[in-house]
């Protein structure tokens, strides 16, 4: 396991953290300028502290489960979260960027009802083998695809705000209540 317990800061350079098993980020990872942040693990990745870049991209890739429990912020870089299995964004798991966002889960992608993704560009999200549980997504072009259903994890909030929107639920439904949102269908 690789555990990050002290801040990792680069003025303008790239930061790469590559774990042979689990990766736990418990302290801030920050880079400026065009520096990129690349975090990868063979197994599970947990983001418990903020990831920040300026114009560089941020990519987090987990071979198995990925849990985002802290903000990911980029001034204008792209942000990507890729999980081989489940991807979970908690109430603290917001993404804010001036660029684009990609979220890909091998099974389910679940956002807490108050988790927010805000992109000045496009947002593409997929649950390759399960459901998407939607919190709040704001982007120009938003395309979401689930092999099962796209569910509503919020309680009364608008889920998606976009100029152009594509929702695909191959084997399920779109807009049904998630049993965790307080007023299940």
Foldseek 3Di string as FASTA:
>chain_A
DAEAQEEAEEAAAEAEAEEAAEYEYQEEYEYEDQYEYEYEYLAEYEYQEEYEYEQHEYEYEYNAEYEAQAEYEYAAYEYEYYHLAEYEYELRYEYEHQYEYEYEHQAEYEYAQNHEYEYAAEYEYEGNHYEYAFHAYEHAEYEYEYCAEYEHNEDPDDGYDYVHYHYYGNHYYYYAHDPNHPDHD
